[in-house]
N, C-alpha and C. Protein backbone atom coordinates (compact mmCIF):
# COMPACT_ATOMS: atom_id res chain seq x y z
N MET A 1 27.02 1.22 4.38
CA MET A 1 26.16 0.60 3.25
C MET A 1 26.37 1.82 2.15
N ARG A 2 26.47 1.92 0.82
CA ARG A 2 26.08 2.40 -0.55
C ARG A 2 24.76 1.87 -1.11
N MET A 3 24.11 2.97 -1.59
CA MET A 3 22.91 2.58 -2.23
C MET A 3 22.75 3.03 -3.37
N SER A 4 24.16 2.70 -4.17
CA SER A 4 24.25 2.95 -5.43
C SER A 4 23.61 2.10 -6.64
N SER A 5 22.82 1.04 -6.02
CA SER A 5 21.89 0.54 -6.98
C SER A 5 20.46 1.01 -7.54
N ILE A 6 20.19 2.27 -6.80
CA ILE A 6 19.31 2.75 -7.16
C ILE A 6 19.14 3.47 -8.62
N PRO A 7 18.55 3.28 -9.50
CA PRO A 7 18.10 3.41 -10.79
C PRO A 7 18.01 5.18 -10.67
N ALA A 8 18.70 5.79 -11.71
CA ALA A 8 18.31 7.21 -11.75
C ALA A 8 16.86 7.49 -12.74
N HIS A 9 16.85 6.72 -13.61
CA HIS A 9 15.33 7.10 -14.36
C HIS A 9 15.54 8.33 -14.98
N GLY A 10 16.54 8.69 -15.42
CA GLY A 10 16.87 9.90 -16.22
C GLY A 10 16.88 11.15 -15.77
N ARG A 11 17.28 11.34 -14.58
CA ARG A 11 17.46 12.62 -13.68
C ARG A 11 18.76 12.21 -13.14
N GLU A 12 19.54 12.75 -13.36
CA GLU A 12 21.03 13.05 -13.56
C GLU A 12 20.90 13.55 -12.27
N GLY A 13 22.08 12.77 -11.08
CA GLY A 13 21.64 13.59 -9.73
C GLY A 13 20.78 13.37 -8.46
N LYS A 14 19.97 13.22 -8.86
CA LYS A 14 18.46 13.18 -7.85
C LYS A 14 18.96 11.92 -7.28
N TRP A 15 18.82 11.26 -7.45
CA TRP A 15 19.53 9.33 -6.94
C TRP A 15 20.70 10.11 -5.96
N ASP A 16 21.74 10.29 -6.41
CA ASP A 16 22.87 10.64 -5.83
C ASP A 16 22.74 11.43 -4.36
N VAL A 17 21.56 12.23 -4.44
CA VAL A 17 21.22 12.85 -3.30
C VAL A 17 20.48 12.40 -2.38
N VAL A 18 19.31 11.39 -3.17
CA VAL A 18 18.79 10.51 -1.84
C VAL A 18 19.75 9.27 -1.23
N SER A 19 20.84 8.94 -1.97
CA SER A 19 21.52 7.93 -1.97
C SER A 19 22.49 8.49 -0.23
N HIS A 20 22.87 9.68 -0.89
CA HIS A 20 23.87 10.40 0.44
C HIS A 20 23.01 10.52 1.54
N VAL A 21 21.78 10.94 1.61
CA VAL A 21 20.79 11.20 2.81
C VAL A 21 20.11 9.77 3.73
N ALA A 22 20.13 9.04 2.70
CA ALA A 22 19.42 7.57 3.22
C ALA A 22 20.70 6.90 3.75
N GLU A 23 22.14 6.95 3.33
CA GLU A 23 23.49 6.59 3.85
C GLU A 23 23.73 7.58 5.03
N SER A 24 23.35 8.43 5.03
CA SER A 24 23.79 9.24 6.39
C SER A 24 22.68 9.12 7.53
N LEU A 25 21.64 8.45 7.21
CA LEU A 25 20.51 8.66 8.04
C LEU A 25 20.72 6.85 8.86
N ILE A 26 20.95 6.21 7.93
CA ILE A 26 21.34 4.98 8.23
C ILE A 26 22.73 4.63 9.21
N THR A 27 23.74 5.66 8.98
CA THR A 27 24.82 5.96 9.79
C THR A 27 24.75 6.50 11.04
N SER A 28 23.85 7.58 10.73
CA SER A 28 23.31 7.90 12.19
C SER A 28 22.63 7.01 13.04
N THR A 29 21.70 6.35 12.28
CA THR A 29 20.50 5.36 13.25
C THR A 29 21.81 4.40 14.23
N MET A 30 22.57 3.94 13.20
CA MET A 30 23.21 2.90 13.67
C MET A 30 24.21 3.12 15.15
N GLN A 31 24.69 4.58 14.56
CA GLN A 31 26.00 4.86 15.46
C GLN A 31 25.11 5.37 16.87
N TYR A 32 23.79 5.97 16.75
CA TYR A 32 22.93 5.93 17.86
C TYR A 32 22.85 4.66 18.41
N ASN A 33 22.59 3.76 18.19
CA ASN A 33 22.30 2.45 18.72
C ASN A 33 23.23 1.65 19.23
N ILE A 34 24.55 1.79 18.47
CA ILE A 34 25.56 1.46 19.44
C ILE A 34 26.03 2.71 20.68
N THR A 35 25.65 3.80 20.51
CA THR A 35 25.98 4.52 21.90
C THR A 35 25.13 4.08 22.93
N MET A 36 24.16 4.02 22.63
CA MET A 36 22.71 3.64 23.22
C MET A 36 23.03 2.00 24.04
N ASP A 37 23.51 1.09 23.15
CA ASP A 37 23.70 -0.35 23.78
C ASP A 37 24.81 0.15 24.51
N GLY A 38 25.89 1.02 24.54
CA GLY A 38 26.86 1.14 25.58
C GLY A 38 26.64 1.49 26.87
N LYS A 39 25.47 2.52 26.71
CA LYS A 39 25.16 3.00 28.05
C LYS A 39 23.76 2.39 28.81
N VAL A 40 23.35 1.33 28.20
CA VAL A 40 21.99 0.53 28.70
C VAL A 40 22.24 -0.88 28.25
N ASP A 41 22.17 -1.40 29.60
CA ASP A 41 22.13 -3.05 29.30
C ASP A 41 20.96 -3.55 29.35
N LEU A 42 20.33 -3.54 28.05
CA LEU A 42 18.87 -4.26 28.20
C LEU A 42 18.32 -5.35 28.70
N PHE A 43 19.86 -6.43 28.65
CA PHE A 43 19.50 -7.40 29.37
C PHE A 43 19.16 -7.55 30.70
N GLN A 44 20.04 -6.46 31.20
CA GLN A 44 19.87 -6.86 32.71
C GLN A 44 19.22 -5.85 32.81
N LYS A 45 18.51 -4.75 32.55
CA LYS A 45 17.38 -3.82 32.89
C LYS A 45 16.07 -4.58 32.32
N PHE A 46 15.84 -5.20 31.64
CA PHE A 46 14.44 -6.19 31.53
C PHE A 46 14.66 -7.76 32.02
N GLY A 47 15.82 -7.95 32.64
CA GLY A 47 15.83 -9.42 32.95
C GLY A 47 15.65 -10.38 31.95
N ILE A 48 16.20 -10.18 30.82
CA ILE A 48 16.25 -10.99 29.68
C ILE A 48 17.48 -11.61 29.34
N ASP A 49 17.54 -12.82 28.78
CA ASP A 49 18.67 -13.24 28.23
C ASP A 49 18.92 -13.60 26.61
N CYS A 50 17.95 -13.25 26.01
CA CYS A 50 17.57 -13.10 24.43
C CYS A 50 16.87 -11.49 23.86
N LEU A 51 17.68 -10.99 22.80
CA LEU A 51 17.10 -9.93 22.47
C LEU A 51 16.88 -9.84 20.68
N PHE A 52 15.73 -9.93 20.18
CA PHE A 52 15.58 -9.61 18.75
C PHE A 52 15.32 -8.21 18.51
N GLU A 53 15.75 -7.77 17.40
CA GLU A 53 15.75 -6.57 17.15
C GLU A 53 15.47 -6.31 15.63
N ILE A 54 14.41 -5.34 15.18
CA ILE A 54 14.36 -5.39 13.63
C ILE A 54 15.06 -3.89 13.72
N MET A 55 15.96 -3.59 12.80
CA MET A 55 16.74 -2.30 12.49
C MET A 55 15.90 -1.43 11.84
N PHE A 56 15.81 -2.13 10.73
CA PHE A 56 15.31 -0.99 9.65
C PHE A 56 13.93 -1.89 8.73
N LEU A 57 12.86 -1.34 8.48
CA LEU A 57 11.87 -1.53 7.50
C LEU A 57 11.27 -0.79 6.70
N ALA A 58 11.52 -0.91 5.35
CA ALA A 58 10.55 -0.14 4.76
C ALA A 58 9.93 -0.56 3.41
N MET A 59 8.66 -0.18 2.76
CA MET A 59 8.26 -0.51 1.68
C MET A 59 8.21 0.32 0.49
N GLN A 60 8.44 -0.35 -0.62
CA GLN A 60 8.72 0.28 -1.74
C GLN A 60 7.26 1.23 -2.15
N VAL A 61 7.68 2.27 -2.54
CA VAL A 61 6.73 3.13 -2.97
C VAL A 61 5.96 2.31 -4.23
N GLY A 62 4.21 2.39 -3.16
CA GLY A 62 3.39 1.56 -4.10
C GLY A 62 2.78 0.64 -3.06
N PHE A 63 3.48 -0.09 -2.59
CA PHE A 63 3.43 -1.25 -1.67
C PHE A 63 2.93 -0.56 -0.44
N GLU A 64 2.93 0.56 0.33
CA GLU A 64 2.85 0.58 1.43
C GLU A 64 1.12 0.38 1.54
N GLY A 65 0.86 0.22 2.79
CA GLY A 65 -0.83 0.04 3.34
C GLY A 65 -1.70 -1.29 2.85
N LYS A 66 -0.11 -2.16 2.78
CA LYS A 66 -1.35 -3.59 1.77
C LYS A 66 -0.98 -4.08 3.21
N GLY A 67 -0.26 -3.99 3.95
CA GLY A 67 -0.01 -5.05 5.37
C GLY A 67 0.99 -5.80 5.01
N ILE A 68 1.44 -5.66 4.25
CA ILE A 68 3.06 -6.40 3.88
C ILE A 68 4.21 -6.70 5.34
N ALA A 69 4.27 -4.73 5.34
CA ALA A 69 5.28 -4.82 6.65
C ALA A 69 4.83 -5.35 8.19
N SER A 70 3.56 -5.38 8.29
CA SER A 70 2.78 -6.19 9.46
C SER A 70 2.75 -7.60 9.32
N ALA A 71 2.84 -8.04 8.24
CA ALA A 71 2.82 -9.60 7.89
C ALA A 71 4.07 -10.16 8.18
N LEU A 72 5.10 -9.25 7.69
CA LEU A 72 6.54 -9.56 7.56
C LEU A 72 6.84 -9.40 9.40
N VAL A 73 6.86 -8.70 10.25
CA VAL A 73 6.94 -8.56 11.67
C VAL A 73 6.06 -9.37 12.24
N ALA A 74 4.88 -9.94 11.99
CA ALA A 74 4.11 -10.88 12.63
C ALA A 74 5.26 -12.11 12.43
N CYS A 75 5.69 -12.24 11.14
CA CYS A 75 6.44 -13.79 10.88
C CYS A 75 7.47 -13.72 11.58
N LEU A 76 8.43 -12.52 11.64
CA LEU A 76 9.62 -12.26 12.54
C LEU A 76 9.35 -12.71 13.72
N VAL A 77 8.47 -11.91 14.44
CA VAL A 77 7.93 -12.18 15.99
C VAL A 77 7.69 -13.88 16.58
N GLU A 78 7.36 -14.49 15.51
CA GLU A 78 7.28 -15.91 15.75
C GLU A 78 8.57 -16.59 15.44
N LEU A 79 9.08 -15.78 14.37
CA LEU A 79 10.46 -16.73 14.60
C LEU A 79 11.15 -16.56 15.46
N ALA A 80 11.26 -15.27 16.18
CA ALA A 80 11.69 -14.92 17.23
C ALA A 80 11.87 -15.84 18.37
N LYS A 81 10.12 -16.27 18.66
CA LYS A 81 9.57 -16.89 19.42
C LYS A 81 9.91 -18.11 19.93
N LYS A 82 10.10 -18.54 18.33
CA LYS A 82 10.94 -20.13 18.18
C LYS A 82 12.08 -20.44 18.21
N TYR A 83 12.73 -19.22 17.96
CA TYR A 83 14.35 -19.31 18.54
C TYR A 83 14.62 -19.11 19.84
N LYS A 84 13.76 -18.82 20.50
CA LYS A 84 14.14 -18.31 21.99
C LYS A 84 13.75 -19.89 22.82
N SER A 85 12.70 -20.82 22.05
CA SER A 85 12.22 -21.67 22.85
C SER A 85 13.44 -22.97 22.75
């Protein structure tokens, strides 16, 4: 996943570094999840037949602390419950 759409705002190179770090973190996190999925069968371990996962959730600077992410997660949990039914 390339994050090349982030504007540079006149600071050449700054967002290149941010993009590279973000891309590395995403890649590392996804690889960790793939590795762990291969080691642990969550369906068997918890006796479930359906799994709903939120992998990444972030807020833009200036919008944090307003309850937006909490509201989004609450909606997603309700959606998962409806999907399961």
